[in-house]
Amino acid sequence: MLRRFLLLGALAGLLVALTGSSAARAQSAPEGPRASLAPIKQAIIASTGYDAASIELTATAVQFVVTVVNSKLVSASGRARENEASKIVTAIARASADNAEFRTIQAIHVDYVSREPDGSHPRTVDAIDFRKTPQGHFEHHIT
């Protein structure tokens, strides 16, 4: 009988702990930056020479995701895409440096995607990640 109460008590405690911690996480997670993406996108366009339709930019509270659609580098070497992605990250870092909305950003992800003109048949050609160092700089992350 004592075993049954201990088991039920442990299960109830575990359930409360799991429910409480997920609710706390859901409430404390800040919303992602949205309002100030236009200047960031403009900085990317200025640094790469792409038109606005070729650059898609989204952000969460901790990450920028840049999608370069039908890049001139789709058929180039991976090194060439990495060099351009570094330029993109530098542009983002400069454009967002003084914006408090972006202080929580910890990573920048750059996707090179090939799509048909009608938007069909998307194919990811390359995906490059940059992570923020403790010093606040974004470095290419290789896994």
C-alpha atoms as a PDB file:
ATOM      1  CA  MET A   1       0.000   0.000   0.000  1.00  0.00           C
ATOM      2  CA  LEU A   2       2.806   2.403   0.920  1.00  0.00           C
ATOM      3  CA  ARG A   3       4.526   1.560  -2.369  1.00  0.00           C
ATOM      4  CA  ARG A   4       1.414   2.453  -4.310  1.00  0.00           C
ATOM      5  CA  PHE A   5       1.145   5.856  -2.591  1.00  0.00           C
ATOM      6  CA  LEU A   6       4.823   6.553  -3.182  1.00  0.00           C
ATOM      7  CA  LEU A   7       4.527   5.616  -6.851  1.00  0.00           C
ATOM      8  CA  LEU A   8       1.391   7.711  -7.334  1.00  0.00           C
ATOM      9  CA  GLY A   9       2.973  10.637  -5.479  1.00  0.00           C
ATOM     10  CA  ALA A  10       6.120  10.432  -7.608  1.00  0.00           C
ATOM     11  CA  LEU A  11       4.058  10.298 -10.814  1.00  0.00           C
ATOM     12  CA  ALA A  12       1.902  13.225  -9.701  1.00  0.00           C
ATOM     13  CA  GLY A  13       5.010  15.226  -8.800  1.00  0.00           C
ATOM     14  CA  LEU A  14       6.569  14.456 -12.163  1.00  0.00           C
ATOM     15  CA  LEU A  15       3.395  15.475 -13.968  1.00  0.00           C
ATOM     16  CA  VAL A  16       3.206  18.775 -12.060  1.00  0.00           C
ATOM     17  CA  ALA A  17       6.894  19.460 -12.719  1.00  0.00           C
ATOM     18  CA  LEU A  18       6.551  18.785 -16.447  1.00  0.00           C
ATOM     19  CA  THR A  19       3.359  20.796 -16.820  1.00  0.00           C
ATOM     20  CA  GLY A  20       4.655  23.690 -14.763  1.00  0.00           C
ATOM     21  CA  SER A  21       7.998  23.926 -16.543  1.00  0.00           C
ATOM     22  CA  SER A  22       6.473  23.900 -20.034  1.00  0.00           C
ATOM     23  CA  ALA A  23       3.952  26.562 -19.034  1.00  0.00           C
ATOM     24  CA  ALA A  24       6.739  28.705 -17.610  1.00  0.00           C
ATOM     25  CA  ARG A  25       8.775  28.300 -20.797  1.00  0.00           C
ATOM     26  CA  ALA A  26       5.789  29.196 -22.965  1.00  0.00           C
ATOM     27  CA  GLN A  27       5.087  32.337 -20.971  1.00  0.00           C
ATOM     28  CA  SER A  28       8.696  33.538 -20.777  1.00  0.00           C
ATOM     29  CA  ALA A  29       9.643  32.944 -24.412  1.00  0.00           C
ATOM     30  CA  PRO A  30       9.863  36.377 -26.055  1.00  0.00           C
ATOM     31  CA  GLU A  31       8.233  36.931 -29.405  1.00  0.00           C
ATOM     32  CA  GLY A  32      10.535  37.128 -32.365  1.00  0.00           C
ATOM     33  CA  PRO A  33      11.520  40.457 -33.904  1.00  0.00           C
ATOM     34  CA  ARG A  34       9.331  41.442 -36.822  1.00  0.00           C
ATOM     35  CA  ALA A  35       8.945  45.194 -37.165  1.00  0.00           C
ATOM     36  CA  SER A  36      12.548  46.028 -37.938  1.00  0.00           C
ATOM     37  CA  LEU A  37      13.317  43.423 -40.610  1.00  0.00           C
ATOM     38  CA  ALA A  38      13.076  45.876 -43.544  1.00  0.00           C
ATOM     39  CA  PRO A  39      16.365  47.693 -42.750  1.00  0.00           C
ATOM     40  CA  ILE A  40      18.091  44.352 -42.208  1.00  0.00           C
ATOM     41  CA  LYS A  41      16.855  43.081 -45.566  1.00  0.00           C
ATOM     42  CA  GLN A  42      17.994  46.313 -47.238  1.00  0.00           C
ATOM     43  CA  ALA A  43      21.470  45.862 -45.751  1.00  0.00           C
ATOM     44  CA  ILE A  44      21.620  42.314 -47.158  1.00  0.00           C
ATOM     45  CA  ILE A  45      20.531  43.530 -50.600  1.00  0.00           C
ATOM     46  CA  ALA A  46      23.111  46.327 -50.542  1.00  0.00           C
ATOM     47  CA  SER A  47      25.932  43.943 -49.599  1.00  0.00           C
ATOM     48  CA  THR A  48      25.063  41.231 -52.131  1.00  0.00           C
ATOM     49  CA  GLY A  49      23.502  43.016 -55.091  1.00  0.00           C
ATOM     50  CA  TYR A  50      20.442  40.743 -55.167  1.00  0.00           C
ATOM     51  CA  ASP A  51      16.994  42.130 -55.834  1.00  0.00           C
ATOM     52  CA  ALA A  52      14.407  42.181 -53.051  1.00  0.00           C
ATOM     53  CA  ALA A  53      12.543  39.164 -54.439  1.00  0.00           C
ATOM     54  CA  SER A  54      15.676  36.998 -54.136  1.00  0.00           C
ATOM     55  CA  ILE A  55      16.090  37.596 -50.401  1.00  0.00           C
ATOM     56  CA  GLU A  56      13.626  36.226 -47.853  1.00  0.00           C
ATOM     57  CA  LEU A  57      14.239  37.130 -44.228  1.00  0.00           C
ATOM     58  CA  THR A  58      12.522  35.857 -41.105  1.00  0.00           C
ATOM     59  CA  ALA A  59      13.438  36.081 -37.464  1.00  0.00           C
ATOM     60  CA  THR A  60      12.594  34.475 -34.174  1.00  0.00           C
ATOM     61  CA  ALA A  61      13.682  35.678 -30.776  1.00  0.00           C
ATOM     62  CA  VAL A  62      17.025  33.906 -31.187  1.00  0.00           C
ATOM     63  CA  GLN A  63      17.675  33.421 -34.899  1.00  0.00           C
ATOM     64  CA  PHE A  64      17.668  35.144 -38.279  1.00  0.00           C
ATOM     65  CA  VAL A  65      16.895  32.916 -41.254  1.00  0.00           C
ATOM     66  CA  VAL A  66      17.955  34.275 -44.633  1.00  0.00           C
ATOM     67  CA  THR A  67      16.839  32.459 -47.780  1.00  0.00           C
ATOM     68  CA  VAL A  68      18.629  33.375 -50.976  1.00  0.00           C
ATOM     69  CA  VAL A  69      16.406  32.263 -53.854  1.00  0.00           C
ATOM     70  CA  ASN A  70      17.941  31.341 -57.222  1.00  0.00           C
ATOM     71  CA  SER A  71      21.313  32.802 -56.325  1.00  0.00           C
ATOM     72  CA  LYS A  72      23.972  33.337 -58.930  1.00  0.00           C
ATOM     73  CA  LEU A  73      26.006  30.950 -56.759  1.00  0.00           C
ATOM     74  CA  VAL A  74      23.653  27.945 -56.969  1.00  0.00           C
ATOM     75  CA  SER A  75      26.046  26.174 -59.333  1.00  0.00           C
ATOM     76  CA  ALA A  76      29.212  27.657 -57.789  1.00  0.00           C
ATOM     77  CA  SER A  77      31.443  26.061 -55.169  1.00  0.00           C
ATOM     78  CA  GLY A  78      30.424  25.726 -51.563  1.00  0.00           C
ATOM     79  CA  ARG A  79      33.319  28.015 -50.632  1.00  0.00           C
ATOM     80  CA  ALA A  80      31.881  30.790 -52.811  1.00  0.00           C
ATOM     81  CA  ARG A  81      28.506  30.477 -51.052  1.00  0.00           C
ATOM     82  CA  GLU A  82      30.240  30.501 -47.643  1.00  0.00           C
ATOM     83  CA  ASN A  83      32.059  33.722 -48.573  1.00  0.00           C
ATOM     84  CA  GLU A  84      28.823  35.375 -49.647  1.00  0.00           C
ATOM     85  CA  ALA A  85      27.022  34.104 -46.526  1.00  0.00           C
ATOM     86  CA  SER A  86      29.775  35.742 -44.447  1.00  0.00           C
ATOM     87  CA  LYS A  87      29.043  39.054 -46.206  1.00  0.00           C
ATOM     88  CA  ILE A  88      25.347  38.594 -45.456  1.00  0.00           C
ATOM     89  CA  VAL A  89      26.067  37.927 -41.779  1.00  0.00           C
ATOM     90  CA  THR A  90      28.340  40.965 -41.554  1.00  0.00           C
ATOM     91  CA  ALA A  91      25.584  43.123 -43.074  1.00  0.00           C
ATOM     92  CA  ILE A  92      23.039  41.758 -40.593  1.00  0.00           C
ATOM     93  CA  ALA A  93      25.364  42.289 -37.634  1.00  0.00           C
ATOM     94  CA  ARG A  94      26.037  45.908 -38.619  1.00  0.00           C
ATOM     95  CA  ALA A  95      22.407  46.717 -39.372  1.00  0.00           C
ATOM     96  CA  SER A  96      21.119  45.183 -36.138  1.00  0.00           C
ATOM     97  CA  ALA A  97      23.905  46.277 -33.777  1.00  0.00           C
ATOM     98  CA  ASP A  98      22.073  49.242 -32.249  1.00  0.00           C
ATOM     99  CA  ASN A  99      18.624  47.677 -32.227  1.00  0.00           C
ATOM    100  CA  ALA A 100      17.566  46.318 -28.825  1.00  0.00           C
ATOM    101  CA  GLU A 101      14.997  44.122 -30.569  1.00  0.00           C
ATOM    102  CA  PHE A 102      17.806  41.943 -31.923  1.00  0.00           C
ATOM    103  CA  ARG A 103      20.004  41.574 -28.809  1.00  0.00           C
ATOM    104  CA  THR A 104      18.719  38.053 -28.168  1.00  0.00           C
ATOM    105  CA  ILE A 105      19.732  36.775 -31.617  1.00  0.00           C
ATOM    106  CA  GLN A 106      22.185  33.894 -31.159  1.00  0.00           C
ATOM    107  CA  ALA A 107      22.366  32.417 -34.667  1.00  0.00           C
ATOM    108  CA  ILE A 108      22.046  33.340 -38.309  1.00  0.00           C
ATOM    109  CA  HIS A 109      21.086  30.648 -40.795  1.00  0.00           C
ATOM    110  CA  VAL A 110      21.590  31.235 -44.541  1.00  0.00           C
ATOM    111  CA  ASP A 111      19.844  28.923 -47.033  1.00  0.00           C
ATOM    112  CA  TYR A 112      20.594  28.871 -50.734  1.00  0.00           C
ATOM    113  CA  VAL A 113      17.461  27.629 -52.499  1.00  0.00           C
ATOM    114  CA  SER A 114      16.688  26.912 -56.128  1.00  0.00           C
ATOM    115  CA  ARG A 115      13.028  27.367 -57.212  1.00  0.00           C
ATOM    116  CA  GLU A 116      11.081  27.444 -60.438  1.00  0.00           C
ATOM    117  CA  PRO A 117       9.751  30.916 -61.409  1.00  0.00           C
ATOM    118  CA  ASP A 118       6.258  29.914 -60.244  1.00  0.00           C
ATOM    119  CA  GLY A 119       7.648  28.979 -56.814  1.00  0.00           C
ATOM    120  CA  SER A 120       7.390  25.247 -57.355  1.00  0.00           C
ATOM    121  CA  HIS A 121      10.083  22.584 -56.954  1.00  0.00           C
ATOM    122  CA  PRO A 122      12.136  24.206 -54.203  1.00  0.00           C
ATOM    123  CA  ARG A 123      15.518  22.587 -53.622  1.00  0.00           C
ATOM    124  CA  THR A 124      17.957  23.553 -50.890  1.00  0.00           C
ATOM    125  CA  VAL A 125      21.413  23.791 -52.416  1.00  0.00           C
ATOM    126  CA  ASP A 126      23.314  24.811 -49.284  1.00  0.00           C
ATOM    127  CA  ALA A 127      22.601  25.719 -45.660  1.00  0.00           C
ATOM    128  CA  ILE A 128      25.182  27.687 -43.700  1.00  0.00           C
ATOM    129  CA  ASP A 129      25.019  28.454 -39.969  1.00  0.00           C
ATOM    130  CA  PHE A 130      26.679  31.179 -37.948  1.00  0.00           C
ATOM    131  CA  ARG A 131      26.593  31.275 -34.151  1.00  0.00           C
ATOM    132  CA  LYS A 132      27.218  34.142 -31.800  1.00  0.00           C
ATOM    133  CA  THR A 133      30.380  33.878 -29.715  1.00  0.00           C
ATOM    134  CA  PRO A 134      30.552  35.040 -26.089  1.00  0.00           C
ATOM    135  CA  GLN A 135      32.272  38.169 -27.448  1.00  0.00           C
ATOM    136  CA  GLY A 136      29.197  38.927 -29.581  1.00  0.00           C
ATOM    137  CA  HIS A 137      30.592  38.071 -33.025  1.00  0.00           C
ATOM    138  CA  PHE A 138      28.983  35.637 -35.458  1.00  0.00           C
ATOM    139  CA  GLU A 139      31.261  32.791 -36.558  1.00  0.00           C
ATOM    140  CA  HIS A 140      30.700  30.141 -39.192  1.00  0.00           C
ATOM    141  CA  HIS A 141      29.559  26.969 -37.441  1.00  0.00           C
ATOM    142  CA  ILE A 142      30.731  23.679 -38.904  1.00  0.00           C
ATOM    143  CA  THR A 143      29.196  20.432 -37.667  1.00  0.00           C
END
